[in-house]
PDB file of N, CA and C in Angstrom:
ATOM      1  N   MET A   1      49.967 -36.504 -71.007  1.00  0.00           N
ATOM      2  CA  MET A   1      49.071 -35.612 -70.334  1.00  0.00           C
ATOM      3  C   MET A   1      48.371 -36.341 -69.212  1.00  0.00           C
ATOM      4  N   LYS A   2      48.092 -35.656 -68.173  1.00  0.00           N
ATOM      5  CA  LYS A   2      47.532 -36.284 -66.971  1.00  0.00           C
ATOM      6  C   LYS A   2      46.004 -36.402 -67.118  1.00  0.00           C
ATOM      7  N   VAL A   3      45.510 -37.541 -66.699  1.00  0.00           N
ATOM      8  CA  VAL A   3      44.065 -37.855 -66.764  1.00  0.00           C
ATOM      9  C   VAL A   3      43.341 -37.252 -65.588  1.00  0.00           C
ATOM     10  N   PRO A   4      42.237 -36.581 -65.811  1.00  0.00           N
ATOM     11  CA  PRO A   4      41.441 -35.987 -64.678  1.00  0.00           C
ATOM     12  C   PRO A   4      40.954 -37.091 -63.779  1.00  0.00           C
ATOM     13  N   ARG A   5      41.060 -36.915 -62.457  1.00  0.00           N
ATOM     14  CA  ARG A   5      40.650 -37.882 -61.510  1.00  0.00           C
ATOM     15  C   ARG A   5      39.251 -37.645 -60.936  1.00  0.00           C
ATOM     16  N   ASP A   6      38.678 -36.534 -61.265  1.00  0.00           N
ATOM     17  CA  ASP A   6      37.325 -36.230 -60.766  1.00  0.00           C
ATOM     18  C   ASP A   6      36.256 -36.221 -61.861  1.00  0.00           C
ATOM     19  N   LEU A   7      36.485 -36.968 -62.909  1.00  0.00           N
ATOM     20  CA  LEU A   7      35.553 -36.961 -64.058  1.00  0.00           C
ATOM     21  C   LEU A   7      34.408 -37.950 -63.810  1.00  0.00           C
ATOM     22  N   SER A   8      33.189 -37.481 -64.043  1.00  0.00           N
ATOM     23  CA  SER A   8      32.062 -38.392 -63.851  1.00  0.00           C
ATOM     24  C   SER A   8      31.734 -39.102 -65.176  1.00  0.00           C
ATOM     25  N   GLY A   9      30.998 -40.151 -65.061  1.00  0.00           N
ATOM     26  CA  GLY A   9      30.564 -40.932 -66.253  1.00  0.00           C
ATOM     27  C   GLY A   9      29.739 -40.079 -67.196  1.00  0.00           C
ATOM     28  N   GLN A  10      28.853 -39.259 -66.610  1.00  0.00           N
ATOM     29  CA  GLN A  10      27.976 -38.417 -67.426  1.00  0.00           C
ATOM     30  C   GLN A  10      28.800 -37.358 -68.176  1.00  0.00           C
ATOM     31  N   ASP A  11      29.828 -36.805 -67.540  1.00  0.00           N
ATOM     32  CA  ASP A  11      30.703 -35.842 -68.236  1.00  0.00           C
ATOM     33  C   ASP A  11      31.411 -36.480 -69.378  1.00  0.00           C
ATOM     34  N   LEU A  12      31.920 -37.687 -69.219  1.00  0.00           N
ATOM     35  CA  LEU A  12      32.564 -38.400 -70.283  1.00  0.00           C
ATOM     36  C   LEU A  12      31.602 -38.686 -71.416  1.00  0.00           C
ATOM     37  N   VAL A  13      30.405 -39.155 -71.105  1.00  0.00           N
ATOM     38  CA  VAL A  13      29.408 -39.409 -72.127  1.00  0.00           C
ATOM     39  C   VAL A  13      29.089 -38.167 -72.965  1.00  0.00           C
ATOM     40  N   GLN A  14      28.918 -37.003 -72.285  1.00  0.00           N
ATOM     41  CA  GLN A  14      28.628 -35.778 -73.019  1.00  0.00           C
ATOM     42  C   GLN A  14      29.751 -35.375 -73.933  1.00  0.00           C
ATOM     43  N   THR A  15      31.003 -35.521 -73.436  1.00  0.00           N
ATOM     44  CA  THR A  15      32.161 -35.171 -74.294  1.00  0.00           C
ATOM     45  C   THR A  15      32.266 -36.092 -75.475  1.00  0.00           C
ATOM     46  N   LEU A  16      32.102 -37.386 -75.296  1.00  0.00           N
ATOM     47  CA  LEU A  16      32.200 -38.319 -76.410  1.00  0.00           C
ATOM     48  C   LEU A  16      31.079 -38.087 -77.435  1.00  0.00           C
ATOM     49  N   CYS A  17      29.904 -37.716 -77.001  1.00  0.00           N
ATOM     50  CA  CYS A  17      28.831 -37.445 -77.914  1.00  0.00           C
ATOM     51  C   CYS A  17      29.023 -36.122 -78.641  1.00  0.00           C
ATOM     52  N   ARG A  18      29.426 -35.094 -77.925  1.00  0.00           N
ATOM     53  CA  ARG A  18      29.563 -33.768 -78.480  1.00  0.00           C
ATOM     54  C   ARG A  18      30.748 -33.648 -79.404  1.00  0.00           C
ATOM     55  N   LYS A  19      31.875 -34.215 -79.052  1.00  0.00           N
ATOM     56  CA  LYS A  19      33.123 -33.948 -79.782  1.00  0.00           C
ATOM     57  C   LYS A  19      33.672 -35.139 -80.579  1.00  0.00           C
ATOM     58  N   TRP A  20      33.181 -36.332 -80.269  1.00  0.00           N
ATOM     59  CA  TRP A  20      33.829 -37.513 -80.920  1.00  0.00           C
ATOM     60  C   TRP A  20      32.877 -38.403 -81.745  1.00  0.00           C
ATOM     61  N   GLY A  21      31.676 -37.918 -81.966  1.00  0.00           N
ATOM     62  CA  GLY A  21      30.748 -38.614 -82.871  1.00  0.00           C
ATOM     63  C   GLY A  21      30.039 -39.824 -82.308  1.00  0.00           C
ATOM     64  N   TYR A  22      29.941 -39.940 -81.042  1.00  0.00           N
ATOM     65  CA  TYR A  22      29.216 -41.017 -80.399  1.00  0.00           C
ATOM     66  C   TYR A  22      27.767 -40.547 -80.125  1.00  0.00           C
ATOM     67  N   ARG A  23      26.871 -41.533 -79.979  1.00  0.00           N
ATOM     68  CA  ARG A  23      25.481 -41.209 -79.590  1.00  0.00           C
ATOM     69  C   ARG A  23      25.019 -42.233 -78.562  1.00  0.00           C
ATOM     70  N   VAL A  24      24.142 -41.801 -77.691  1.00  0.00           N
ATOM     71  CA  VAL A  24      23.599 -42.675 -76.663  1.00  0.00           C
ATOM     72  C   VAL A  24      22.593 -43.602 -77.288  1.00  0.00           C
ATOM     73  N   VAL A  25      22.744 -44.904 -77.054  1.00  0.00           N
ATOM     74  CA  VAL A  25      21.782 -45.894 -77.601  1.00  0.00           C
ATOM     75  C   VAL A  25      20.787 -46.163 -76.505  1.00  0.00           C
ATOM     76  N   HIS A  26      21.213 -46.523 -75.334  1.00  0.00           N
ATOM     77  CA  HIS A  26      20.326 -46.796 -74.217  1.00  0.00           C
ATOM     78  C   HIS A  26      21.186 -46.898 -72.953  1.00  0.00           C
ATOM     79  N   GLN A  27      20.473 -47.066 -71.851  1.00  0.00           N
ATOM     80  CA  GLN A  27      21.124 -47.257 -70.554  1.00  0.00           C
ATOM     81  C   GLN A  27      20.638 -48.505 -69.919  1.00  0.00           C
ATOM     82  N   GLU A  28      21.615 -49.315 -69.496  1.00  0.00           N
ATOM     83  CA  GLU A  28      21.328 -50.559 -68.799  1.00  0.00           C
ATOM     84  C   GLU A  28      21.840 -50.452 -67.378  1.00  0.00           C
ATOM     85  N   GLY A  29      20.976 -50.249 -66.454  1.00  0.00           N
ATOM     86  CA  GLY A  29      21.381 -50.115 -65.026  1.00  0.00           C
ATOM     87  C   GLY A  29      22.231 -48.858 -64.920  1.00  0.00           C
ATOM     88  N   SER A  30      23.446 -48.995 -64.432  1.00  0.00           N
ATOM     89  CA  SER A  30      24.309 -47.865 -64.267  1.00  0.00           C
ATOM     90  C   SER A  30      25.306 -47.624 -65.376  1.00  0.00           C
ATOM     91  N   HIS A  31      25.089 -48.278 -66.546  1.00  0.00           N
ATOM     92  CA  HIS A  31      25.951 -48.170 -67.701  1.00  0.00           C
ATOM     93  C   HIS A  31      25.226 -47.557 -68.855  1.00  0.00           C
ATOM     94  N   VAL A  32      25.829 -46.546 -69.485  1.00  0.00           N
ATOM     95  CA  VAL A  32      25.321 -45.889 -70.651  1.00  0.00           C
ATOM     96  C   VAL A  32      25.980 -46.546 -71.850  1.00  0.00           C
ATOM     97  N   VAL A  33      25.185 -47.007 -72.828  1.00  0.00           N
ATOM     98  CA  VAL A  33      25.770 -47.628 -74.017  1.00  0.00           C
ATOM     99  C   VAL A  33      25.796 -46.601 -75.134  1.00  0.00           C
ATOM    100  N   LEU A  34      26.992 -46.386 -75.671  1.00  0.00           N
ATOM    101  CA  LEU A  34      27.230 -45.466 -76.775  1.00  0.00           C
ATOM    102  C   LEU A  34      27.560 -46.209 -77.996  1.00  0.00           C
ATOM    103  N   GLU A  35      27.298 -45.591 -79.174  1.00  0.00           N
ATOM    104  CA  GLU A  35      27.796 -46.227 -80.426  1.00  0.00           C
ATOM    105  C   GLU A  35      28.147 -45.165 -81.425  1.00  0.00           C
ATOM    106  N   THR A  36      28.996 -45.515 -82.347  1.00  0.00           N
ATOM    107  CA  THR A  36      29.403 -44.654 -83.426  1.00  0.00           C
ATOM    108  C   THR A  36      29.560 -45.470 -84.700  1.00  0.00           C
ATOM    109  N   ASP A  37      29.471 -44.840 -85.876  1.00  0.00           N
ATOM    110  CA  ASP A  37      29.672 -45.498 -87.123  1.00  0.00           C
ATOM    111  C   ASP A  37      30.850 -44.884 -87.856  1.00  0.00           C
ATOM    112  N   ASP A  38      31.628 -43.999 -87.191  1.00  0.00           N
ATOM    113  CA  ASP A  38      32.722 -43.312 -87.845  1.00  0.00           C
ATOM    114  C   ASP A  38      34.005 -43.718 -87.128  1.00  0.00           C
ATOM    115  N   PRO A  39      34.936 -44.316 -87.733  1.00  0.00           N
ATOM    116  CA  PRO A  39      35.088 -44.747 -89.132  1.00  0.00           C
ATOM    117  C   PRO A  39      34.434 -46.113 -89.354  1.00  0.00           C
ATOM    118  N   SER A  40      34.108 -46.843 -88.328  1.00  0.00           N
ATOM    119  CA  SER A  40      33.326 -48.083 -88.477  1.00  0.00           C
ATOM    120  C   SER A  40      32.485 -48.257 -87.206  1.00  0.00           C
ATOM    121  N   HIS A  41      31.627 -49.263 -87.182  1.00  0.00           N
ATOM    122  CA  HIS A  41      30.726 -49.437 -86.083  1.00  0.00           C
ATOM    123  C   HIS A  41      31.469 -49.831 -84.814  1.00  0.00           C
ATOM    124  N   GLN A  42      31.105 -49.209 -83.710  1.00  0.00           N
ATOM    125  CA  GLN A  42      31.664 -49.550 -82.388  1.00  0.00           C
ATOM    126  C   GLN A  42      30.592 -49.234 -81.365  1.00  0.00           C
ATOM    127  N   ARG A  43      30.498 -50.154 -80.362  1.00  0.00           N
ATOM    128  CA  ARG A  43      29.664 -49.920 -79.164  1.00  0.00           C
ATOM    129  C   ARG A  43      30.590 -49.852 -77.973  1.00  0.00           C
ATOM    130  N   LEU A  44      30.164 -49.020 -77.008  1.00  0.00           N
ATOM    131  CA  LEU A  44      30.992 -48.725 -75.859  1.00  0.00           C
ATOM    132  C   LEU A  44      30.107 -48.543 -74.673  1.00  0.00           C
ATOM    133  N   ALA A  45      30.407 -49.173 -73.557  1.00  0.00           N
ATOM    134  CA  ALA A  45      29.640 -48.968 -72.313  1.00  0.00           C
ATOM    135  C   ALA A  45      30.449 -48.106 -71.353  1.00  0.00           C
ATOM    136  N   VAL A  46      29.812 -47.076 -70.839  1.00  0.00           N
ATOM    137  CA  VAL A  46      30.455 -46.154 -69.923  1.00  0.00           C
ATOM    138  C   VAL A  46      29.637 -46.196 -68.620  1.00  0.00           C
ATOM    139  N   PRO A  47      30.312 -46.436 -67.511  1.00  0.00           N
ATOM    140  CA  PRO A  47      29.584 -46.393 -66.212  1.00  0.00           C
ATOM    141  C   PRO A  47      29.133 -45.018 -65.878  1.00  0.00           C
ATOM    142  N   ALA A  48      27.898 -44.867 -65.475  1.00  0.00           N
ATOM    143  CA  ALA A  48      27.303 -43.543 -65.167  1.00  0.00           C
ATOM    144  C   ALA A  48      27.549 -43.280 -63.683  1.00  0.00           C
ATOM    145  N   HIS A  49      28.742 -43.424 -63.238  1.00  0.00           N
ATOM    146  CA  HIS A  49      29.097 -43.225 -61.835  1.00  0.00           C
ATOM    147  C   HIS A  49      29.497 -41.765 -61.548  1.00  0.00           C
ATOM    148  N   ARG A  50      29.461 -41.432 -60.278  1.00  0.00           N
ATOM    149  CA  ARG A  50      29.831 -40.036 -59.905  1.00  0.00           C
ATOM    150  C   ARG A  50      31.271 -39.718 -60.265  1.00  0.00           C
ATOM    151  N   TYR A  51      32.167 -40.655 -59.985  1.00  0.00           N
ATOM    152  CA  TYR A  51      33.557 -40.532 -60.367  1.00  0.00           C
ATOM    153  C   TYR A  51      34.009 -41.851 -61.028  1.00  0.00           C
ATOM    154  N   LEU A  52      34.641 -41.754 -62.144  1.00  0.00           N
ATOM    155  CA  LEU A  52      35.140 -42.948 -62.806  1.00  0.00           C
ATOM    156  C   LEU A  52      36.440 -43.360 -62.201  1.00  0.00           C
ATOM    157  N   ARG A  53      36.638 -44.654 -62.026  1.00  0.00           N
ATOM    158  CA  ARG A  53      37.960 -45.113 -61.496  1.00  0.00           C
ATOM    159  C   ARG A  53      38.953 -44.926 -62.580  1.00  0.00           C
ATOM    160  N   ILE A  54      40.166 -44.708 -62.141  1.00  0.00           N
ATOM    161  CA  ILE A  54      41.242 -44.267 -63.093  1.00  0.00           C
ATOM    162  C   ILE A  54      41.513 -45.380 -64.124  1.00  0.00           C
ATOM    163  N   GLY A  55      41.507 -46.668 -63.707  1.00  0.00           N
ATOM    164  CA  GLY A  55      41.741 -47.739 -64.675  1.00  0.00           C
ATOM    165  C   GLY A  55      40.610 -47.877 -65.675  1.00  0.00           C
ATOM    166  N   THR A  56      39.368 -47.658 -65.246  1.00  0.00           N
ATOM    167  CA  THR A  56      38.238 -47.709 -66.122  1.00  0.00           C
ATOM    168  C   THR A  56      38.306 -46.554 -67.128  1.00  0.00           C
ATOM    169  N   LEU A  57      38.668 -45.376 -66.690  1.00  0.00           N
ATOM    170  CA  LEU A  57      38.791 -44.247 -67.559  1.00  0.00           C
ATOM    171  C   LEU A  57      39.906 -44.496 -68.609  1.00  0.00           C
ATOM    172  N   HIS A  58      41.063 -45.025 -68.145  1.00  0.00           N
ATOM    173  CA  HIS A  58      42.173 -45.320 -69.063  1.00  0.00           C
ATOM    174  C   HIS A  58      41.713 -46.296 -70.148  1.00  0.00           C
ATOM    175  N   ALA A  59      40.987 -47.321 -69.772  1.00  0.00           N
ATOM    176  CA  ALA A  59      40.527 -48.336 -70.732  1.00  0.00           C
ATOM    177  C   ALA A  59      39.574 -47.746 -71.753  1.00  0.00           C
ATOM    178  N   ILE A  60      38.651 -46.876 -71.319  1.00  0.00           N
ATOM    179  CA  ILE A  60      37.723 -46.230 -72.216  1.00  0.00           C
ATOM    180  C   ILE A  60      38.456 -45.345 -73.204  1.00  0.00           C
ATOM    181  N   LEU A  61      39.392 -44.503 -72.679  1.00  0.00           N
ATOM    182  CA  LEU A  61      40.128 -43.590 -73.514  1.00  0.00           C
ATOM    183  C   LEU A  61      40.993 -44.386 -74.547  1.00  0.00           C
ATOM    184  N   ARG A  62      41.613 -45.425 -74.107  1.00  0.00           N
ATOM    185  CA  ARG A  62      42.436 -46.270 -75.024  1.00  0.00           C
ATOM    186  C   ARG A  62      41.560 -46.801 -76.113  1.00  0.00           C
ATOM    187  N   THR A  63      40.367 -47.310 -75.782  1.00  0.00           N
ATOM    188  CA  THR A  63      39.479 -47.925 -76.764  1.00  0.00           C
ATOM    189  C   THR A  63      39.021 -46.872 -77.809  1.00  0.00           C
ATOM    190  N   VAL A  64      38.639 -45.704 -77.334  1.00  0.00           N
ATOM    191  CA  VAL A  64      38.192 -44.622 -78.198  1.00  0.00           C
ATOM    192  C   VAL A  64      39.355 -44.144 -79.082  1.00  0.00           C
ATOM    193  N   ALA A  65      40.516 -43.963 -78.523  1.00  0.00           N
ATOM    194  CA  ALA A  65      41.684 -43.494 -79.267  1.00  0.00           C
ATOM    195  C   ALA A  65      42.054 -44.488 -80.380  1.00  0.00           C
ATOM    196  N   ASN A  66      42.042 -45.792 -80.067  1.00  0.00           N
ATOM    197  CA  ASN A  66      42.361 -46.806 -81.091  1.00  0.00           C
ATOM    198  C   ASN A  66      41.359 -46.824 -82.158  1.00  0.00           C
ATOM    199  N   HIS A  67      40.025 -46.688 -81.829  1.00  0.00           N
ATOM    200  CA  HIS A  67      38.982 -46.740 -82.848  1.00  0.00           C
ATOM    201  C   HIS A  67      39.006 -45.515 -83.740  1.00  0.00           C
ATOM    202  N   LYS A  68      39.224 -44.313 -83.154  1.00  0.00           N
ATOM    203  CA  LYS A  68      39.272 -43.087 -83.895  1.00  0.00           C
ATOM    204  C   LYS A  68      40.619 -42.785 -84.545  1.00  0.00           C
ATOM    205  N   ARG A  69      41.607 -43.602 -84.225  1.00  0.00           N
ATOM    206  CA  ARG A  69      42.981 -43.453 -84.761  1.00  0.00           C
ATOM    207  C   ARG A  69      43.548 -42.074 -84.433  1.00  0.00           C
ATOM    208  N   VAL A  70      43.453 -41.741 -83.157  1.00  0.00           N
ATOM    209  CA  VAL A  70      44.013 -40.468 -82.618  1.00  0.00           C
ATOM    210  C   VAL A  70      44.794 -40.829 -81.399  1.00  0.00           C
ATOM    211  N   GLU A  71      45.622 -39.881 -80.964  1.00  0.00           N
ATOM    212  CA  GLU A  71      46.389 -40.015 -79.714  1.00  0.00           C
ATOM    213  C   GLU A  71      45.414 -39.867 -78.534  1.00  0.00           C
ATOM    214  N   ARG A  72      45.701 -40.604 -77.491  1.00  0.00           N
ATOM    215  CA  ARG A  72      44.878 -40.540 -76.288  1.00  0.00           C
ATOM    216  C   ARG A  72      44.858 -39.129 -75.716  1.00  0.00           C
ATOM    217  N   ASP A  73      46.003 -38.383 -75.849  1.00  0.00           N
ATOM    218  CA  ASP A  73      46.083 -37.039 -75.342  1.00  0.00           C
ATOM    219  C   ASP A  73      45.102 -36.100 -76.000  1.00  0.00           C
ATOM    220  N   ALA A  74      44.754 -36.349 -77.262  1.00  0.00           N
ATOM    221  CA  ALA A  74      43.796 -35.539 -77.957  1.00  0.00           C
ATOM    222  C   ALA A  74      42.386 -35.627 -77.296  1.00  0.00           C
ATOM    223  N   ILE A  75      42.080 -36.805 -76.879  1.00  0.00           N
ATOM    224  CA  ILE A  75      40.790 -37.057 -76.212  1.00  0.00           C
ATOM    225  C   ILE A  75      40.826 -36.412 -74.800  1.00  0.00           C
ATOM    226  N   ILE A  76      41.946 -36.533 -74.084  1.00  0.00           N
ATOM    227  CA  ILE A  76      42.071 -35.982 -72.773  1.00  0.00           C
ATOM    228  C   ILE A  76      41.947 -34.458 -72.845  1.00  0.00           C
ATOM    229  N   GLU A  77      42.552 -33.821 -73.846  1.00  0.00           N
ATOM    230  CA  GLU A  77      42.435 -32.386 -73.985  1.00  0.00           C
ATOM    231  C   GLU A  77      40.981 -31.879 -74.177  1.00  0.00           C
ATOM    232  N   SER A  78      40.151 -32.748 -74.801  1.00  0.00           N
ATOM    233  CA  SER A  78      38.755 -32.332 -75.028  1.00  0.00           C
ATOM    234  C   SER A  78      37.853 -32.502 -73.842  1.00  0.00           C
ATOM    235  N   LEU A  79      38.416 -33.116 -72.736  1.00  0.00           N
ATOM    236  CA  LEU A  79      37.602 -33.286 -71.550  1.00  0.00           C
ATOM    237  C   LEU A  79      37.522 -32.046 -70.857  1.00  0.00           C
TER     238      LEU A  79
END
């Protein structure tokens, strides 16, 4: 599945919080720090930029997919 190229950091944060069990811990500069305890503890920093670079988005999606033990496409569909 193709990754959206016009996704903002805030949109990604909202999706991860709403649908994937993450919560906002705090914001350091232009990065929002998220964490989850399901299935184990994980912290993740997401740039709060207007548009995420494609490599950055791929890395975040890969990290979330590996932690949640789902396919990357399942996360992309929820965006």
